[in-house]
Amino acid sequence: MTNATELRDMDDAALNDHLQTARRELFGLRFQHATGELENTARLRLAKREVARVLTVVRERGIDADNKELSR
């Protein structure tokens, strides 16, 4: 699990890679949960939070870019 500060320090390519990895993990956990193989269901919640955390940083960057364009 990565905290928001570490995510903000990543460049865009690394952040997108991290997002893809987190989404793949979440997909796998959902599949395991549906088939009854998942022992620790709390991992689902943590994976969802990780995806949300990454998407929040991506959105923050988009808003910052929009604000910079408007201030010109």
PDB file of N, CA and C in Angstrom:
ATOM      1  N   MET A   1       0.846  -1.168   0.000  1.00  0.00           N
ATOM      2  CA  MET A   1       0.000   0.000   0.000  1.00  0.00           C
ATOM      3  C   MET A   1       0.896   1.237   0.000  1.00  0.00           C
ATOM      4  N   THR A   2       0.583   2.143  -0.897  1.00  0.00           N
ATOM      5  CA  THR A   2       1.368   3.349  -1.068  1.00  0.00           C
ATOM      6  C   THR A   2       0.579   4.534  -0.526  1.00  0.00           C
ATOM      7  N   ASN A   3       1.256   5.417   0.197  1.00  0.00           N
ATOM      8  CA  ASN A   3       0.528   6.574   0.691  1.00  0.00           C
ATOM      9  C   ASN A   3       0.493   7.672  -0.371  1.00  0.00           C
ATOM     10  N   ALA A   4      -0.346   8.669  -0.161  1.00  0.00           N
ATOM     11  CA  ALA A   4      -0.573   9.706  -1.163  1.00  0.00           C
ATOM     12  C   ALA A   4       0.685  10.524  -1.437  1.00  0.00           C
ATOM     13  N   THR A   5       1.511  10.732  -0.443  1.00  0.00           N
ATOM     14  CA  THR A   5       2.735  11.501  -0.638  1.00  0.00           C
ATOM     15  C   THR A   5       3.673  10.795  -1.611  1.00  0.00           C
ATOM     16  N   GLU A   6       3.806   9.498  -1.464  1.00  0.00           N
ATOM     17  CA  GLU A   6       4.651   8.736  -2.385  1.00  0.00           C
ATOM     18  C   GLU A   6       4.074   8.752  -3.794  1.00  0.00           C
ATOM     19  N   LEU A   7       2.755   8.699  -3.900  1.00  0.00           N
ATOM     20  CA  LEU A   7       2.117   8.739  -5.215  1.00  0.00           C
ATOM     21  C   LEU A   7       2.327  10.089  -5.886  1.00  0.00           C
ATOM     22  N   ARG A   8       2.265  11.158  -5.110  1.00  0.00           N
ATOM     23  CA  ARG A   8       2.458  12.500  -5.679  1.00  0.00           C
ATOM     24  C   ARG A   8       3.886  12.695  -6.177  1.00  0.00           C
ATOM     25  N   ASP A   9       4.833  11.956  -5.598  1.00  0.00           N
ATOM     26  CA  ASP A   9       6.229  12.063  -6.020  1.00  0.00           C
ATOM     27  C   ASP A   9       6.513  11.290  -7.308  1.00  0.00           C
ATOM     28  N   MET A  10       5.613  10.399  -7.707  1.00  0.00           N
ATOM     29  CA  MET A  10       5.809   9.610  -8.928  1.00  0.00           C
ATOM     30  C   MET A  10       5.540  10.460 -10.168  1.00  0.00           C
ATOM     31  N   ASP A  11       6.209  10.108 -11.267  1.00  0.00           N
ATOM     32  CA  ASP A  11       5.888  10.775 -12.527  1.00  0.00           C
ATOM     33  C   ASP A  11       4.641  10.116 -13.121  1.00  0.00           C
ATOM     34  N   ASP A  12       4.130  10.691 -14.207  1.00  0.00           N
ATOM     35  CA  ASP A  12       2.867  10.227 -14.780  1.00  0.00           C
ATOM     36  C   ASP A  12       2.930   8.776 -15.245  1.00  0.00           C
ATOM     37  N   ALA A  13       4.025   8.386 -15.869  1.00  0.00           N
ATOM     38  CA  ALA A  13       4.146   7.015 -16.371  1.00  0.00           C
ATOM     39  C   ALA A  13       4.149   6.008 -15.219  1.00  0.00           C
ATOM     40  N   ALA A  14       4.893   6.306 -14.173  1.00  0.00           N
ATOM     41  CA  ALA A  14       4.947   5.406 -13.020  1.00  0.00           C
ATOM     42  C   ALA A  14       3.590   5.336 -12.325  1.00  0.00           C
ATOM     43  N   LEU A  15       2.901   6.466 -12.281  1.00  0.00           N
ATOM     44  CA  LEU A  15       1.582   6.502 -11.655  1.00  0.00           C
ATOM     45  C   LEU A  15       0.583   5.660 -12.449  1.00  0.00           C
ATOM     46  N   ASN A  16       0.634   5.752 -13.769  1.00  0.00           N
ATOM     47  CA  ASN A  16      -0.254   4.938 -14.601  1.00  0.00           C
ATOM     48  C   ASN A  16       0.062   3.452 -14.465  1.00  0.00           C
ATOM     49  N   ASP A  17       1.345   3.115 -14.376  1.00  0.00           N
ATOM     50  CA  ASP A  17       1.728   1.717 -14.157  1.00  0.00           C
ATOM     51  C   ASP A  17       1.204   1.210 -12.817  1.00  0.00           C
ATOM     52  N   HIS A  18       1.319   2.049 -11.810  1.00  0.00           N
ATOM     53  CA  HIS A  18       0.841   1.677 -10.477  1.00  0.00           C
ATOM     54  C   HIS A  18      -0.677   1.490 -10.498  1.00  0.00           C
ATOM     55  N   LEU A  19      -1.376   2.353 -11.225  1.00  0.00           N
ATOM     56  CA  LEU A  19      -2.829   2.242 -11.333  1.00  0.00           C
ATOM     57  C   LEU A  19      -3.218   0.932 -12.017  1.00  0.00           C
ATOM     58  N   GLN A  20      -2.534   0.594 -13.093  1.00  0.00           N
ATOM     59  CA  GLN A  20      -2.833  -0.663 -13.788  1.00  0.00           C
ATOM     60  C   GLN A  20      -2.587  -1.866 -12.884  1.00  0.00           C
ATOM     61  N   THR A  21      -1.503  -1.821 -12.143  1.00  0.00           N
ATOM     62  CA  THR A  21      -1.183  -2.917 -11.225  1.00  0.00           C
ATOM     63  C   THR A  21      -2.245  -3.039 -10.133  1.00  0.00           C
ATOM     64  N   ALA A  22      -2.657  -1.909  -9.580  1.00  0.00           N
ATOM     65  CA  ALA A  22      -3.664  -1.923  -8.519  1.00  0.00           C
ATOM     66  C   ALA A  22      -5.003  -2.430  -9.048  1.00  0.00           C
ATOM     67  N   ARG A  23      -5.363  -2.036 -10.258  1.00  0.00           N
ATOM     68  CA  ARG A  23      -6.628  -2.504 -10.843  1.00  0.00           C
ATOM     69  C   ARG A  23      -6.580  -3.999 -11.139  1.00  0.00           C
ATOM     70  N   ARG A  24      -5.425  -4.490 -11.607  1.00  0.00           N
ATOM     71  CA  ARG A  24      -5.281  -5.925 -11.854  1.00  0.00           C
ATOM     72  C   ARG A  24      -5.413  -6.716 -10.554  1.00  0.00           C
ATOM     73  N   GLU A  25      -4.792  -6.188  -9.495  1.00  0.00           N
ATOM     74  CA  GLU A  25      -4.886  -6.855  -8.200  1.00  0.00           C
ATOM     75  C   GLU A  25      -6.332  -6.881  -7.718  1.00  0.00           C
ATOM     76  N   LEU A  26      -7.039  -5.762  -7.855  1.00  0.00           N
ATOM     77  CA  LEU A  26      -8.434  -5.696  -7.436  1.00  0.00           C
ATOM     78  C   LEU A  26      -9.284  -6.685  -8.230  1.00  0.00           C
ATOM     79  N   PHE A  27      -9.046  -6.773  -9.528  1.00  0.00           N
ATOM     80  CA  PHE A  27      -9.776  -7.725 -10.357  1.00  0.00           C
ATOM     81  C   PHE A  27      -9.549  -9.153  -9.872  1.00  0.00           C
ATOM     82  N   GLY A  28      -8.297  -9.481  -9.607  1.00  0.00           N
ATOM     83  CA  GLY A  28      -7.975 -10.820  -9.123  1.00  0.00           C
ATOM     84  C   GLY A  28      -8.623 -11.121  -7.783  1.00  0.00           C
ATOM     85  N   LEU A  29      -8.622 -10.134  -6.899  1.00  0.00           N
ATOM     86  CA  LEU A  29      -9.241 -10.330  -5.587  1.00  0.00           C
ATOM     87  C   LEU A  29     -10.750 -10.511  -5.715  1.00  0.00           C
ATOM     88  N   ARG A  30     -11.377  -9.740  -6.602  1.00  0.00           N
ATOM     89  CA  ARG A  30     -12.821  -9.898  -6.810  1.00  0.00           C
ATOM     90  C   ARG A  30     -13.138 -11.283  -7.367  1.00  0.00           C
ATOM     91  N   PHE A  31     -12.306 -11.750  -8.256  1.00  0.00           N
ATOM     92  CA  PHE A  31     -12.507 -13.079  -8.828  1.00  0.00           C
ATOM     93  C   PHE A  31     -12.358 -14.147  -7.749  1.00  0.00           C
ATOM     94  N   GLN A  32     -11.330 -14.022  -6.926  1.00  0.00           N
ATOM     95  CA  GLN A  32     -11.124 -14.981  -5.840  1.00  0.00           C
ATOM     96  C   GLN A  32     -12.293 -14.952  -4.859  1.00  0.00           C
ATOM     97  N   HIS A  33     -12.801 -13.760  -4.583  1.00  0.00           N
ATOM     98  CA  HIS A  33     -13.922 -13.627  -3.659  1.00  0.00           C
ATOM     99  C   HIS A  33     -15.171 -14.304  -4.222  1.00  0.00           C
ATOM    100  N   ALA A  34     -15.406 -14.123  -5.519  1.00  0.00           N
ATOM    101  CA  ALA A  34     -16.585 -14.709  -6.153  1.00  0.00           C
ATOM    102  C   ALA A  34     -16.517 -16.232  -6.178  1.00  0.00           C
ATOM    103  N   THR A  35     -15.323 -16.768  -6.299  1.00  0.00           N
ATOM    104  CA  THR A  35     -15.172 -18.223  -6.342  1.00  0.00           C
ATOM    105  C   THR A  35     -14.966 -18.836  -4.960  1.00  0.00           C
ATOM    106  N   GLY A  36     -14.922 -18.000  -3.933  1.00  0.00           N
ATOM    107  CA  GLY A  36     -14.786 -18.499  -2.574  1.00  0.00           C
ATOM    108  C   GLY A  36     -13.365 -18.824  -2.169  1.00  0.00           C
ATOM    109  N   GLU A  37     -12.395 -18.403  -2.945  1.00  0.00           N
ATOM    110  CA  GLU A  37     -10.995 -18.704  -2.644  1.00  0.00           C
ATOM    111  C   GLU A  37     -10.336 -17.665  -1.747  1.00  0.00           C
ATOM    112  N   LEU A  38     -10.937 -16.497  -1.624  1.00  0.00           N
ATOM    113  CA  LEU A  38     -10.307 -15.403  -0.881  1.00  0.00           C
ATOM    114  C   LEU A  38     -10.479 -15.621   0.613  1.00  0.00           C
ATOM    115  N   GLU A  39      -9.371 -15.729   1.305  1.00  0.00           N
ATOM    116  CA  GLU A  39      -9.390 -15.949   2.751  1.00  0.00           C
ATOM    117  C   GLU A  39      -9.555 -14.634   3.507  1.00  0.00           C
ATOM    118  N   ASN A  40      -8.798 -13.628   3.103  1.00  0.00           N
ATOM    119  CA  ASN A  40      -8.785 -12.350   3.809  1.00  0.00           C
ATOM    120  C   ASN A  40      -9.562 -11.319   2.986  1.00  0.00           C
ATOM    121  N   THR A  41     -10.837 -11.146   3.306  1.00  0.00           N
ATOM    122  CA  THR A  41     -11.679 -10.240   2.523  1.00  0.00           C
ATOM    123  C   THR A  41     -11.331  -8.772   2.754  1.00  0.00           C
ATOM    124  N   ALA A  42     -10.581  -8.480   3.775  1.00  0.00           N
ATOM    125  CA  ALA A  42     -10.170  -7.094   4.024  1.00  0.00           C
ATOM    126  C   ALA A  42      -9.236  -6.597   2.925  1.00  0.00           C
ATOM    127  N   ARG A  43      -8.574  -7.516   2.235  1.00  0.00           N
ATOM    128  CA  ARG A  43      -7.690  -7.120   1.131  1.00  0.00           C
ATOM    129  C   ARG A  43      -8.475  -6.443   0.014  1.00  0.00           C
ATOM    130  N   LEU A  44      -9.741  -6.809  -0.168  1.00  0.00           N
ATOM    131  CA  LEU A  44     -10.588  -6.149  -1.164  1.00  0.00           C
ATOM    132  C   LEU A  44     -10.709  -4.662  -0.856  1.00  0.00           C
ATOM    133  N   ARG A  45     -10.991  -4.356   0.388  1.00  0.00           N
ATOM    134  CA  ARG A  45     -11.149  -2.962   0.791  1.00  0.00           C
ATOM    135  C   ARG A  45      -9.851  -2.188   0.603  1.00  0.00           C
ATOM    136  N   LEU A  46      -8.743  -2.800   0.963  1.00  0.00           N
ATOM    137  CA  LEU A  46      -7.451  -2.139   0.807  1.00  0.00           C
ATOM    138  C   LEU A  46      -7.121  -1.902  -0.665  1.00  0.00           C
ATOM    139  N   ALA A  47      -7.459  -2.862  -1.512  1.00  0.00           N
ATOM    140  CA  ALA A  47      -7.194  -2.710  -2.945  1.00  0.00           C
ATOM    141  C   ALA A  47      -8.055  -1.598  -3.537  1.00  0.00           C
ATOM    142  N   LYS A  48      -9.315  -1.524  -3.113  1.00  0.00           N
ATOM    143  CA  LYS A  48     -10.195  -0.450  -3.591  1.00  0.00           C
ATOM    144  C   LYS A  48      -9.660   0.915  -3.173  1.00  0.00           C
ATOM    145  N   ARG A  49      -9.185   0.990  -1.956  1.00  0.00           N
ATOM    146  CA  ARG A  49      -8.639   2.256  -1.465  1.00  0.00           C
ATOM    147  C   ARG A  49      -7.382   2.658  -2.223  1.00  0.00           C
ATOM    148  N   GLU A  50      -6.572   1.675  -2.574  1.00  0.00           N
ATOM    149  CA  GLU A  50      -5.350   1.965  -3.326  1.00  0.00           C
ATOM    150  C   GLU A  50      -5.697   2.534  -4.700  1.00  0.00           C
ATOM    151  N   VAL A  51      -6.674   1.928  -5.378  1.00  0.00           N
ATOM    152  CA  VAL A  51      -7.111   2.436  -6.682  1.00  0.00           C
ATOM    153  C   VAL A  51      -7.659   3.849  -6.522  1.00  0.00           C
ATOM    154  N   ALA A  52      -8.478   4.074  -5.512  1.00  0.00           N
ATOM    155  CA  ALA A  52      -9.053   5.398  -5.281  1.00  0.00           C
ATOM    156  C   ALA A  52      -7.972   6.428  -4.975  1.00  0.00           C
ATOM    157  N   ARG A  53      -6.969   6.029  -4.218  1.00  0.00           N
ATOM    158  CA  ARG A  53      -5.880   6.933  -3.872  1.00  0.00           C
ATOM    159  C   ARG A  53      -5.115   7.362  -5.125  1.00  0.00           C
ATOM    160  N   VAL A  54      -4.838   6.416  -6.010  1.00  0.00           N
ATOM    161  CA  VAL A  54      -4.120   6.733  -7.248  1.00  0.00           C
ATOM    162  C   VAL A  54      -4.980   7.630  -8.137  1.00  0.00           C
ATOM    163  N   LEU A  55      -6.259   7.307  -8.263  1.00  0.00           N
ATOM    164  CA  LEU A  55      -7.146   8.121  -9.094  1.00  0.00           C
ATOM    165  C   LEU A  55      -7.286   9.541  -8.546  1.00  0.00           C
ATOM    166  N   THR A  56      -7.230   9.686  -7.237  1.00  0.00           N
ATOM    167  CA  THR A  56      -7.291  11.012  -6.628  1.00  0.00           C
ATOM    168  C   THR A  56      -6.081  11.840  -7.024  1.00  0.00           C
ATOM    169  N   VAL A  57      -4.905  11.251  -6.999  1.00  0.00           N
ATOM    170  CA  VAL A  57      -3.685  11.969  -7.383  1.00  0.00           C
ATOM    171  C   VAL A  57      -3.732  12.327  -8.866  1.00  0.00           C
ATOM    172  N   VAL A  58      -4.222  11.406  -9.702  1.00  0.00           N
ATOM    173  CA  VAL A  58      -4.351  11.694 -11.135  1.00  0.00           C
ATOM    174  C   VAL A  58      -5.297  12.871 -11.344  1.00  0.00           C
ATOM    175  N   ARG A  59      -6.398  12.879 -10.638  1.00  0.00           N
ATOM    176  CA  ARG A  59      -7.379  13.970 -10.752  1.00  0.00           C
ATOM    177  C   ARG A  59      -6.788  15.287 -10.255  1.00  0.00           C
ATOM    178  N   GLU A  60      -6.039  15.254  -9.169  1.00  0.00           N
ATOM    179  CA  GLU A  60      -5.393  16.470  -8.663  1.00  0.00           C
ATOM    180  C   GLU A  60      -4.468  17.067  -9.714  1.00  0.00           C
ATOM    181  N   ARG A  61      -3.723  16.208 -10.392  1.00  0.00           N
ATOM    182  CA  ARG A  61      -2.809  16.696 -11.432  1.00  0.00           C
ATOM    183  C   ARG A  61      -3.581  17.314 -12.588  1.00  0.00           C
ATOM    184  N   GLY A  62      -4.701  16.728 -12.937  1.00  0.00           N
ATOM    185  CA  GLY A  62      -5.524  17.285 -14.005  1.00  0.00           C
ATOM    186  C   GLY A  62      -6.080  18.643 -13.640  1.00  0.00           C
ATOM    187  N   ILE A  63      -6.507  18.807 -12.414  1.00  0.00           N
ATOM    188  CA  ILE A  63      -7.037  20.085 -11.950  1.00  0.00           C
ATOM    189  C   ILE A  63      -5.931  21.127 -11.917  1.00  0.00           C
ATOM    190  N   ASP A  64      -4.740  20.745 -11.448  1.00  0.00           N
ATOM    191  CA  ASP A  64      -3.611  21.679 -11.424  1.00  0.00           C
ATOM    192  C   ASP A  64      -3.253  22.138 -12.825  1.00  0.00           C
ATOM    193  N   ALA A  65      -3.277  21.219 -13.781  1.00  0.00           N
ATOM    194  CA  ALA A  65      -2.956  21.576 -15.167  1.00  0.00           C
ATOM    195  C   ALA A  65      -4.001  22.535 -15.730  1.00  0.00           C
ATOM    196  N   ASP A  66      -5.270  22.292 -15.420  1.00  0.00           N
ATOM    197  CA  ASP A  66      -6.336  23.180 -15.887  1.00  0.00           C
ATOM    198  C   ASP A  66      -6.201  24.569 -15.274  1.00  0.00           C
ATOM    199  N   ASN A  67      -5.862  24.624 -14.000  1.00  0.00           N
ATOM    200  CA  ASN A  67      -5.709  25.916 -13.332  1.00  0.00           C
ATOM    201  C   ASN A  67      -4.530  26.698 -13.898  1.00  0.00           C
ATOM    202  N   LYS A  68      -3.467  26.008 -14.255  1.00  0.00           N
ATOM    203  CA  LYS A  68      -2.308  26.686 -14.840  1.00  0.00           C
ATOM    204  C   LYS A  68      -2.661  27.273 -16.199  1.00  0.00           C
ATOM    205  N   GLU A  69      -3.465  26.547 -16.984  1.00  0.00           N
ATOM    206  CA  GLU A  69      -3.871  27.057 -18.293  1.00  0.00           C
ATOM    207  C   GLU A  69      -4.779  28.270 -18.149  1.00  0.00           C
ATOM    208  N   LEU A  70      -5.649  28.263 -17.165  1.00  0.00           N
ATOM    209  CA  LEU A  70      -6.573  29.375 -16.964  1.00  0.00           C
ATOM    210  C   LEU A  70      -5.866  30.622 -16.450  1.00  0.00           C
ATOM    211  N   SER A  71      -4.789  30.451 -15.720  1.00  0.00           N
ATOM    212  CA  SER A  71      -4.093  31.598 -15.141  1.00  0.00           C
ATOM    213  C   SER A  71      -3.181  32.297 -16.140  1.00  0.00           C
ATOM    214  N   ARG A  72      -3.019  31.743 -17.322  1.00  0.00           N
ATOM    215  CA  ARG A  72      -2.149  32.363 -18.325  1.00  0.00           C
ATOM    216  C   ARG A  72      -2.769  33.559 -18.925  1.00  0.00           C
TER     217      ARG A  72
END
